[in-house]
Amino acid sequence: MAFPNEKELKKIREKLEKVEPSRLLPRNASKADKLKYALCQKFVVYLLEHEISQAELARNLNMDTARLNEIVKYKIDLFSVDKLIEFAQRLDPNLEINVA
């Protein structure tokens, strides 16, 4: 696979300028926030591994596409731990969570 040429790079940059970035977890994050972040990450990994769109996954999980987008953008402040666990269990009914 070759590195994209300048025209392709320009197209990619223009597309990325319109996309809202994912949020990062702050260094001083609470244990609850770390758990919420890890639960959100499960959705991102699922999307990548199964090569499906957010819209398709939202339909499969019977949830609003905008809500799923908030999860994959790691907007953890919009969710309780309970709600993210509920959504994650829809994704994986055998979900196990280890708390240290």
Protein backbone atom coordinates (compact mmCIF):
# COMPACT_ATOMS: atom_id res chain seq x y z
CA MET A 1 0.00 0.00 0.00
CA ALA A 2 1.52 3.30 -1.10
CA PHE A 3 1.31 6.57 0.77
CA PRO A 4 -1.56 8.73 -0.57
CA ASN A 5 -0.67 11.44 -3.05
CA GLU A 6 -1.21 15.13 -2.27
CA LYS A 7 -4.66 15.22 -3.92
CA GLU A 8 -5.88 12.29 -1.83
CA LEU A 9 -4.39 13.80 1.32
CA LYS A 10 -6.20 17.08 0.69
CA LYS A 11 -9.48 15.20 0.29
CA ILE A 12 -8.88 13.31 3.54
CA ARG A 13 -7.99 16.49 5.43
CA GLU A 14 -11.14 18.26 4.21
CA LYS A 15 -13.26 15.32 5.33
CA LEU A 16 -11.60 15.17 8.75
CA GLU A 17 -12.09 18.90 9.34
CA LYS A 18 -15.85 18.29 9.44
CA VAL A 19 -15.69 15.40 11.90
CA GLU A 20 -16.01 15.85 15.65
CA PRO A 21 -13.06 14.16 17.36
CA SER A 22 -13.33 11.51 20.04
CA ARG A 23 -12.70 12.68 23.56
CA LEU A 24 -9.66 11.60 25.54
CA LEU A 25 -9.69 10.43 29.13
CA PRO A 26 -7.96 12.92 31.43
CA ARG A 27 -4.99 11.70 33.47
CA ASN A 28 -6.84 12.37 36.72
CA ALA A 29 -9.99 10.51 35.67
CA SER A 30 -12.02 8.81 38.36
CA LYS A 31 -12.42 5.05 38.46
CA ALA A 32 -16.03 5.48 37.31
CA ASP A 33 -14.91 7.53 34.31
CA LYS A 34 -12.27 4.93 33.47
CA LEU A 35 -14.95 2.24 33.55
CA LYS A 36 -17.26 4.30 31.34
CA TYR A 37 -14.40 4.93 28.90
CA ALA A 38 -13.62 1.19 28.75
CA LEU A 39 -17.29 0.42 28.07
CA CYS A 40 -17.36 2.96 25.23
CA GLN A 41 -14.21 1.41 23.82
CA LYS A 42 -16.03 -1.92 23.46
CA PHE A 43 -18.37 -0.29 20.93
CA VAL A 44 -15.51 1.17 18.93
CA VAL A 45 -13.71 -2.18 18.83
CA TYR A 46 -16.93 -3.94 17.82
CA LEU A 47 -17.50 -1.52 14.93
CA LEU A 48 -13.94 -1.99 13.68
CA GLU A 49 -13.88 -5.77 14.06
CA HIS A 50 -17.26 -6.30 12.40
CA GLU A 51 -16.74 -3.59 9.77
CA ILE A 52 -20.23 -2.19 10.13
CA SER A 53 -21.51 1.36 10.29
CA GLN A 54 -22.74 3.11 13.39
CA ALA A 55 -26.20 3.26 11.86
CA GLU A 56 -26.25 -0.49 11.31
CA LEU A 57 -25.05 -1.23 14.84
CA ALA A 58 -27.60 1.20 16.29
CA ARG A 59 -30.37 -0.63 14.44
CA ASN A 60 -29.07 -4.00 15.65
CA LEU A 61 -29.01 -2.76 19.24
CA ASN A 62 -32.36 -0.97 18.95
CA MET A 63 -30.90 2.37 19.94
CA ASP A 64 -30.78 5.85 18.50
CA THR A 65 -27.89 6.48 16.08
CA ALA A 66 -27.08 9.80 17.78
CA ARG A 67 -26.84 8.04 21.13
CA LEU A 68 -24.44 5.45 19.72
CA ASN A 69 -22.36 8.27 18.20
CA GLU A 70 -22.05 9.83 21.66
CA ILE A 71 -20.74 6.50 22.94
CA VAL A 72 -18.14 6.03 20.21
CA LYS A 73 -16.99 9.63 20.68
CA TYR A 74 -16.38 8.80 24.37
CA LYS A 75 -18.80 11.43 25.68
CA ILE A 76 -18.77 9.69 29.03
CA ASP A 77 -20.19 12.68 30.88
CA LEU A 78 -23.52 12.05 29.13
CA PHE A 79 -23.92 8.54 30.56
CA SER A 80 -24.15 6.79 33.89
CA VAL A 81 -22.18 3.60 34.44
CA ASP A 82 -25.49 1.72 34.64
CA LYS A 83 -26.67 3.00 31.27
CA LEU A 84 -23.40 2.13 29.53
CA ILE A 85 -23.47 -1.35 31.06
CA GLU A 86 -27.04 -1.77 29.80
CA PHE A 87 -25.98 -0.78 26.28
CA ALA A 88 -22.82 -2.91 26.42
CA GLN A 89 -24.87 -5.95 27.46
CA ARG A 90 -26.94 -5.49 24.31
CA LEU A 91 -23.66 -5.61 22.40
CA ASP A 92 -22.40 -8.64 24.34
CA PRO A 93 -24.94 -10.49 26.51
CA ASN A 94 -22.06 -12.41 28.13
CA LEU A 95 -20.31 -9.19 29.16
CA GLU A 96 -18.23 -9.54 32.31
CA ILE A 97 -16.85 -6.58 34.18
CA ASN A 98 -13.97 -6.90 36.61
CA VAL A 99 -13.64 -4.16 39.16
CA ALA A 100 -10.33 -3.72 40.93
